[in-house]
Amino acid sequence: MKVFMPVYFTLGGVATLLVNYLCTRINLIRSLLISISPALLPIGIVLIIVGGLSLAFFIKRAGWHNYFYSLTDTLDLRSYLKQQATVNDFTGDKRQDLVKSYYNSSLIETYVEYRKDNATVKLCIPNNVEAKKKLDGYLTDAKQKVQNMVKAKSYIWSNWTQDGDYYVMTGMPRQP
């Protein structure tokens, strides 16, 4: 989750500036949002500045290459672990049971982070017992998936350990 903070702040700032622009250009929106329009410009600028500072922090700590590999590998791991909704054969409607919902919502806090001297993968443990059992069944598959990622092949990975609400796997760079 924290890997995406610069992206979230920057997108929020751009959206706020866009709403501010629309408030000043379209009279319909101006009449509806006239009271908050003066506050939108500073909020948008602050969000973009915070996004830029957090991006600079991540890049300083990990480097450009590692930061973008962290983003892409996090998205890849989340999509790999996500459980799809079941489709009813008769009606064609998608139905998602509660266990899958808990399981998929915990994946939002799952991330891969590469740094200059190490790498970390954190899988958030769901609060539901059945969803946790489902995640426990996928831990070996998740480790194989991480080890086969392009950037992750240059690391030697440990086994999963439980650290609070997360399963954590760390990697150390391979010696050439």
C-alpha atoms as a PDB file:
ATOM      1  CA  MET A   1       0.000   0.000   0.000  1.00  0.00           C
ATOM      2  CA  LYS A   2       2.736   2.445   0.923  1.00  0.00           C
ATOM      3  CA  VAL A   3       4.447   1.895  -2.418  1.00  0.00           C
ATOM      4  CA  PHE A   4       1.471   3.506  -4.171  1.00  0.00           C
ATOM      5  CA  MET A   5       1.208   6.580  -1.906  1.00  0.00           C
ATOM      6  CA  PRO A   6       3.006   8.947  -4.328  1.00  0.00           C
ATOM      7  CA  VAL A   7       0.686   7.841  -7.122  1.00  0.00           C
ATOM      8  CA  TYR A   8      -2.428   8.308  -4.957  1.00  0.00           C
ATOM      9  CA  PHE A   9      -1.404  11.767  -3.763  1.00  0.00           C
ATOM     10  CA  THR A  10      -0.496  12.948  -7.258  1.00  0.00           C
ATOM     11  CA  LEU A  11      -3.719  11.642  -8.792  1.00  0.00           C
ATOM     12  CA  GLY A  12      -5.743  13.204  -5.966  1.00  0.00           C
ATOM     13  CA  GLY A  13      -4.017  16.537  -6.526  1.00  0.00           C
ATOM     14  CA  VAL A  14      -4.619  16.454 -10.273  1.00  0.00           C
ATOM     15  CA  ALA A  15      -8.286  15.535  -9.734  1.00  0.00           C
ATOM     16  CA  THR A  16      -8.684  18.393  -7.248  1.00  0.00           C
ATOM     17  CA  LEU A  17      -7.098  20.869  -9.658  1.00  0.00           C
ATOM     18  CA  LEU A  18      -9.386  19.579 -12.427  1.00  0.00           C
ATOM     19  CA  VAL A  19     -12.486  20.115 -10.269  1.00  0.00           C
ATOM     20  CA  ASN A  20     -11.201  23.597  -9.406  1.00  0.00           C
ATOM     21  CA  TYR A  21     -10.760  24.339 -13.111  1.00  0.00           C
ATOM     22  CA  LEU A  22     -14.287  23.122 -13.867  1.00  0.00           C
ATOM     23  CA  CYS A  23     -15.677  25.230 -11.016  1.00  0.00           C
ATOM     24  CA  THR A  24     -14.191  28.365 -12.514  1.00  0.00           C
ATOM     25  CA  ARG A  25     -15.173  27.568 -16.138  1.00  0.00           C
ATOM     26  CA  ILE A  26     -18.690  26.139 -15.931  1.00  0.00           C
ATOM     27  CA  ASN A  27     -21.369  28.276 -14.302  1.00  0.00           C
ATOM     28  CA  LEU A  28     -23.541  25.291 -13.323  1.00  0.00           C
ATOM     29  CA  ILE A  29     -20.813  23.742 -11.207  1.00  0.00           C
ATOM     30  CA  ARG A  30     -19.781  27.163  -9.935  1.00  0.00           C
ATOM     31  CA  SER A  31     -23.195  27.734  -8.405  1.00  0.00           C
ATOM     32  CA  LEU A  32     -23.118  24.336  -6.716  1.00  0.00           C
ATOM     33  CA  LEU A  33     -19.542  24.436  -5.441  1.00  0.00           C
ATOM     34  CA  ILE A  34     -18.897  28.164  -5.047  1.00  0.00           C
ATOM     35  CA  SER A  35     -18.136  27.836  -1.334  1.00  0.00           C
ATOM     36  CA  ILE A  36     -15.427  25.180  -1.686  1.00  0.00           C
ATOM     37  CA  SER A  37     -13.838  26.420  -4.909  1.00  0.00           C
ATOM     38  CA  PRO A  38     -11.283  28.729  -3.233  1.00  0.00           C
ATOM     39  CA  ALA A  39     -10.030  25.855  -1.073  1.00  0.00           C
ATOM     40  CA  LEU A  40      -9.587  23.421  -3.973  1.00  0.00           C
ATOM     41  CA  LEU A  41      -6.557  25.101  -5.544  1.00  0.00           C
ATOM     42  CA  PRO A  42      -4.382  25.016  -2.391  1.00  0.00           C
ATOM     43  CA  ILE A  43      -5.528  21.478  -1.565  1.00  0.00           C
ATOM     44  CA  GLY A  44      -4.627  20.276  -5.060  1.00  0.00           C
ATOM     45  CA  ILE A  45      -1.231  21.936  -4.938  1.00  0.00           C
ATOM     46  CA  VAL A  46      -0.494  20.498  -1.488  1.00  0.00           C
ATOM     47  CA  LEU A  47      -1.478  16.987  -2.625  1.00  0.00           C
ATOM     48  CA  ILE A  48       0.810  17.214  -5.656  1.00  0.00           C
ATOM     49  CA  ILE A  49       3.681  18.484  -3.475  1.00  0.00           C
ATOM     50  CA  VAL A  50       3.162  15.666  -0.939  1.00  0.00           C
ATOM     51  CA  GLY A  51       3.051  13.150  -3.799  1.00  0.00           C
ATOM     52  CA  GLY A  52       6.280  14.548  -5.225  1.00  0.00           C
ATOM     53  CA  LEU A  53       8.014  14.498  -1.837  1.00  0.00           C
ATOM     54  CA  SER A  54       6.964  10.931  -1.093  1.00  0.00           C
ATOM     55  CA  LEU A  55       8.090   9.893  -4.589  1.00  0.00           C
ATOM     56  CA  ALA A  56      11.453  11.566  -3.953  1.00  0.00           C
ATOM     57  CA  PHE A  57      11.700   9.746  -0.615  1.00  0.00           C
ATOM     58  CA  PHE A  58      11.037   6.335  -2.193  1.00  0.00           C
ATOM     59  CA  ILE A  59      13.411   7.026  -5.081  1.00  0.00           C
ATOM     60  CA  LYS A  60      16.165   8.185  -2.727  1.00  0.00           C
ATOM     61  CA  ARG A  61      15.755   5.057  -0.629  1.00  0.00           C
ATOM     62  CA  ALA A  62      15.406   2.554  -3.463  1.00  0.00           C
ATOM     63  CA  GLY A  63      16.273   4.198  -6.792  1.00  0.00           C
ATOM     64  CA  TRP A  64      14.104   4.742  -9.884  1.00  0.00           C
ATOM     65  CA  HIS A  65      14.518   1.238 -11.198  1.00  0.00           C
ATOM     66  CA  ASN A  66      13.663  -0.466  -7.936  1.00  0.00           C
ATOM     67  CA  TYR A  67      10.672   1.798  -7.278  1.00  0.00           C
ATOM     68  CA  PHE A  68       9.042   1.031 -10.619  1.00  0.00           C
ATOM     69  CA  TYR A  69       9.832  -2.667 -10.291  1.00  0.00           C
ATOM     70  CA  SER A  70       8.133  -2.519  -6.869  1.00  0.00           C
ATOM     71  CA  LEU A  71       5.011  -1.002  -8.439  1.00  0.00           C
ATOM     72  CA  THR A  72       4.761  -3.501 -11.274  1.00  0.00           C
ATOM     73  CA  ASP A  73       5.581  -6.549  -9.162  1.00  0.00           C
ATOM     74  CA  THR A  74       3.073  -5.496  -6.483  1.00  0.00           C
ATOM     75  CA  LEU A  75       0.336  -5.259  -9.097  1.00  0.00           C
ATOM     76  CA  ASP A  76       1.410  -8.583 -10.585  1.00  0.00           C
ATOM     77  CA  LEU A  77       1.383 -10.381  -7.213  1.00  0.00           C
ATOM     78  CA  ARG A  78      -2.002  -8.928  -6.242  1.00  0.00           C
ATOM     79  CA  SER A  79      -3.587  -9.977  -9.530  1.00  0.00           C
ATOM     80  CA  TYR A  80      -2.054 -13.454  -9.186  1.00  0.00           C
ATOM     81  CA  LEU A  81      -3.471 -13.967  -5.682  1.00  0.00           C
ATOM     82  CA  LYS A  82      -6.896 -12.412  -6.331  1.00  0.00           C
ATOM     83  CA  GLN A  83      -9.873 -14.787  -6.181  1.00  0.00           C
ATOM     84  CA  GLN A  84     -12.452 -14.308  -8.924  1.00  0.00           C
ATOM     85  CA  ALA A  85     -16.165 -14.166  -8.205  1.00  0.00           C
ATOM     86  CA  THR A  86     -18.138 -17.304  -9.025  1.00  0.00           C
ATOM     87  CA  VAL A  87     -20.675 -17.146 -11.844  1.00  0.00           C
ATOM     88  CA  ASN A  88     -24.100 -18.729 -11.477  1.00  0.00           C
ATOM     89  CA  ASP A  89     -24.605 -21.207 -14.340  1.00  0.00           C
ATOM     90  CA  PHE A  90     -28.327 -20.488 -14.710  1.00  0.00           C
ATOM     91  CA  THR A  91     -28.512 -16.699 -14.452  1.00  0.00           C
ATOM     92  CA  GLY A  92     -24.965 -15.689 -15.388  1.00  0.00           C
ATOM     93  CA  ASP A  93     -24.775 -13.356 -12.374  1.00  0.00           C
ATOM     94  CA  LYS A  94     -21.518 -12.987 -10.504  1.00  0.00           C
ATOM     95  CA  ARG A  95     -21.688 -13.953  -6.872  1.00  0.00           C
ATOM     96  CA  GLN A  96     -18.879 -13.313  -4.438  1.00  0.00           C
ATOM     97  CA  ASP A  97     -18.983 -15.093  -1.131  1.00  0.00           C
ATOM     98  CA  LEU A  98     -17.905 -13.429   2.083  1.00  0.00           C
ATOM     99  CA  VAL A  99     -14.681 -15.436   2.480  1.00  0.00           C
ATOM    100  CA  LYS A 100     -13.438 -14.362  -0.962  1.00  0.00           C
ATOM    101  CA  SER A 101     -14.395 -10.802  -0.175  1.00  0.00           C
ATOM    102  CA  TYR A 102     -12.317 -10.820   3.036  1.00  0.00           C
ATOM    103  CA  TYR A 103      -9.461 -12.517   1.212  1.00  0.00           C
ATOM    104  CA  ASN A 104      -9.439 -10.038  -1.688  1.00  0.00           C
ATOM    105  CA  SER A 105      -9.764  -6.994   0.565  1.00  0.00           C
ATOM    106  CA  SER A 106      -6.642  -8.036   2.467  1.00  0.00           C
ATOM    107  CA  LEU A 107      -4.665  -8.054  -0.802  1.00  0.00           C
ATOM    108  CA  ILE A 108      -4.909  -4.249  -0.947  1.00  0.00           C
ATOM    109  CA  GLU A 109      -2.248  -4.081   1.768  1.00  0.00           C
ATOM    110  CA  THR A 110       0.004  -6.612   0.040  1.00  0.00           C
ATOM    111  CA  TYR A 111       3.139  -5.197  -1.560  1.00  0.00           C
ATOM    112  CA  VAL A 112       6.607  -5.952  -2.909  1.00  0.00           C
ATOM    113  CA  GLU A 113       9.355  -3.469  -2.103  1.00  0.00           C
ATOM    114  CA  TYR A 114      12.834  -3.518  -3.603  1.00  0.00           C
ATOM    115  CA  ARG A 115      15.630  -1.506  -2.027  1.00  0.00           C
ATOM    116  CA  LYS A 116      19.286  -1.168  -2.883  1.00  0.00           C
ATOM    117  CA  ASP A 117      20.404  -3.701  -0.284  1.00  0.00           C
ATOM    118  CA  ASN A 118      17.341  -5.936   0.254  1.00  0.00           C
ATOM    119  CA  ALA A 119      13.798  -6.714  -0.829  1.00  0.00           C
ATOM    120  CA  THR A 120      10.618  -7.339   1.144  1.00  0.00           C
ATOM    121  CA  VAL A 121       7.301  -8.960   0.282  1.00  0.00           C
ATOM    122  CA  LYS A 122       4.426  -8.442   2.720  1.00  0.00           C
ATOM    123  CA  LEU A 123       1.145 -10.334   2.468  1.00  0.00           C
ATOM    124  CA  CYS A 124      -1.602  -8.978   4.709  1.00  0.00           C
ATOM    125  CA  ILE A 125      -3.302 -11.702   6.731  1.00  0.00           C
ATOM    126  CA  PRO A 126      -7.118 -11.515   6.515  1.00  0.00           C
ATOM    127  CA  ASN A 127      -9.110 -11.145   9.739  1.00  0.00           C
ATOM    128  CA  ASN A 128     -11.392 -14.033   8.798  1.00  0.00           C
ATOM    129  CA  VAL A 129     -10.227 -17.542   9.780  1.00  0.00           C
ATOM    130  CA  GLU A 130     -11.438 -19.179   6.559  1.00  0.00           C
ATOM    131  CA  ALA A 131      -9.804 -16.477   4.423  1.00  0.00           C
ATOM    132  CA  LYS A 132      -6.556 -16.937   6.375  1.00  0.00           C
ATOM    133  CA  LYS A 133      -6.665 -20.687   5.678  1.00  0.00           C
ATOM    134  CA  LYS A 134      -7.136 -19.913   1.993  1.00  0.00           C
ATOM    135  CA  LEU A 135      -4.128 -17.569   2.025  1.00  0.00           C
ATOM    136  CA  ASP A 136      -2.053 -20.172   3.904  1.00  0.00           C
ATOM    137  CA  GLY A 137      -2.747 -22.592   1.065  1.00  0.00           C
ATOM    138  CA  TYR A 138      -1.341 -20.127  -1.467  1.00  0.00           C
ATOM    139  CA  LEU A 139       1.884 -19.218   0.365  1.00  0.00           C
ATOM    140  CA  THR A 140       4.080 -21.675  -1.549  1.00  0.00           C
ATOM    141  CA  ASP A 141       2.540 -20.566  -4.866  1.00  0.00           C
ATOM    142  CA  ALA A 142       3.080 -16.922  -3.911  1.00  0.00           C
ATOM    143  CA  LYS A 143       6.728 -17.628  -3.112  1.00  0.00           C
ATOM    144  CA  GLN A 144       7.196 -19.310  -6.490  1.00  0.00           C
ATOM    145  CA  LYS A 145       5.507 -16.372  -8.208  1.00  0.00           C
ATOM    146  CA  VAL A 146       7.775 -13.866  -6.450  1.00  0.00           C
ATOM    147  CA  GLN A 147      10.904 -15.865  -7.232  1.00  0.00           C
ATOM    148  CA  ASN A 148       9.976 -15.912 -10.942  1.00  0.00           C
ATOM    149  CA  MET A 149       9.509 -12.132 -11.218  1.00  0.00           C
ATOM    150  CA  VAL A 150      12.137 -10.390 -13.347  1.00  0.00           C
ATOM    151  CA  LYS A 151      13.719  -8.251 -10.631  1.00  0.00           C
ATOM    152  CA  ALA A 152      13.221 -10.854  -7.888  1.00  0.00           C
ATOM    153  CA  LYS A 153      15.439 -13.397  -9.658  1.00  0.00           C
ATOM    154  CA  SER A 154      18.459 -11.409  -8.493  1.00  0.00           C
ATOM    155  CA  TYR A 155      17.578 -12.057  -4.820  1.00  0.00           C
ATOM    156  CA  ILE A 156      17.853 -15.045  -2.495  1.00  0.00           C
ATOM    157  CA  TRP A 157      14.516 -15.306  -0.668  1.00  0.00           C
ATOM    158  CA  SER A 158      13.792 -16.492   2.865  1.00  0.00           C
ATOM    159  CA  ASN A 159      10.724 -18.455   3.921  1.00  0.00           C
ATOM    160  CA  TRP A 160       7.504 -16.774   5.007  1.00  0.00           C
ATOM    161  CA  THR A 161       7.446 -15.561   8.613  1.00  0.00           C
ATOM    162  CA  GLN A 162       4.509 -14.053  10.438  1.00  0.00           C
ATOM    163  CA  ASP A 163       5.065 -10.493  11.651  1.00  0.00           C
ATOM    164  CA  GLY A 164       1.899  -9.176  13.277  1.00  0.00           C
ATOM    165  CA  ASP A 165      -0.805  -8.937  10.607  1.00  0.00           C
ATOM    166  CA  TYR A 166       1.548  -9.797   7.741  1.00  0.00           C
ATOM    167  CA  TYR A 167       3.400 -12.728   6.269  1.00  0.00           C
ATOM    168  CA  VAL A 168       6.842 -11.351   5.448  1.00  0.00           C
ATOM    169  CA  MET A 169       9.459 -12.730   3.073  1.00  0.00           C
ATOM    170  CA  THR A 170      12.814 -10.980   2.728  1.00  0.00           C
ATOM    171  CA  GLY A 171      15.377 -11.227  -0.001  1.00  0.00           C
ATOM    172  CA  MET A 172      19.085 -10.492  -0.080  1.00  0.00           C
ATOM    173  CA  PRO A 173      20.930  -9.713  -3.324  1.00  0.00           C
ATOM    174  CA  ARG A 174      22.813 -12.546  -4.959  1.00  0.00           C
ATOM    175  CA  GLN A 175      26.565 -12.162  -5.040  1.00  0.00           C
ATOM    176  CA  PRO A 176      27.913 -12.021  -8.616  1.00  0.00           C
END
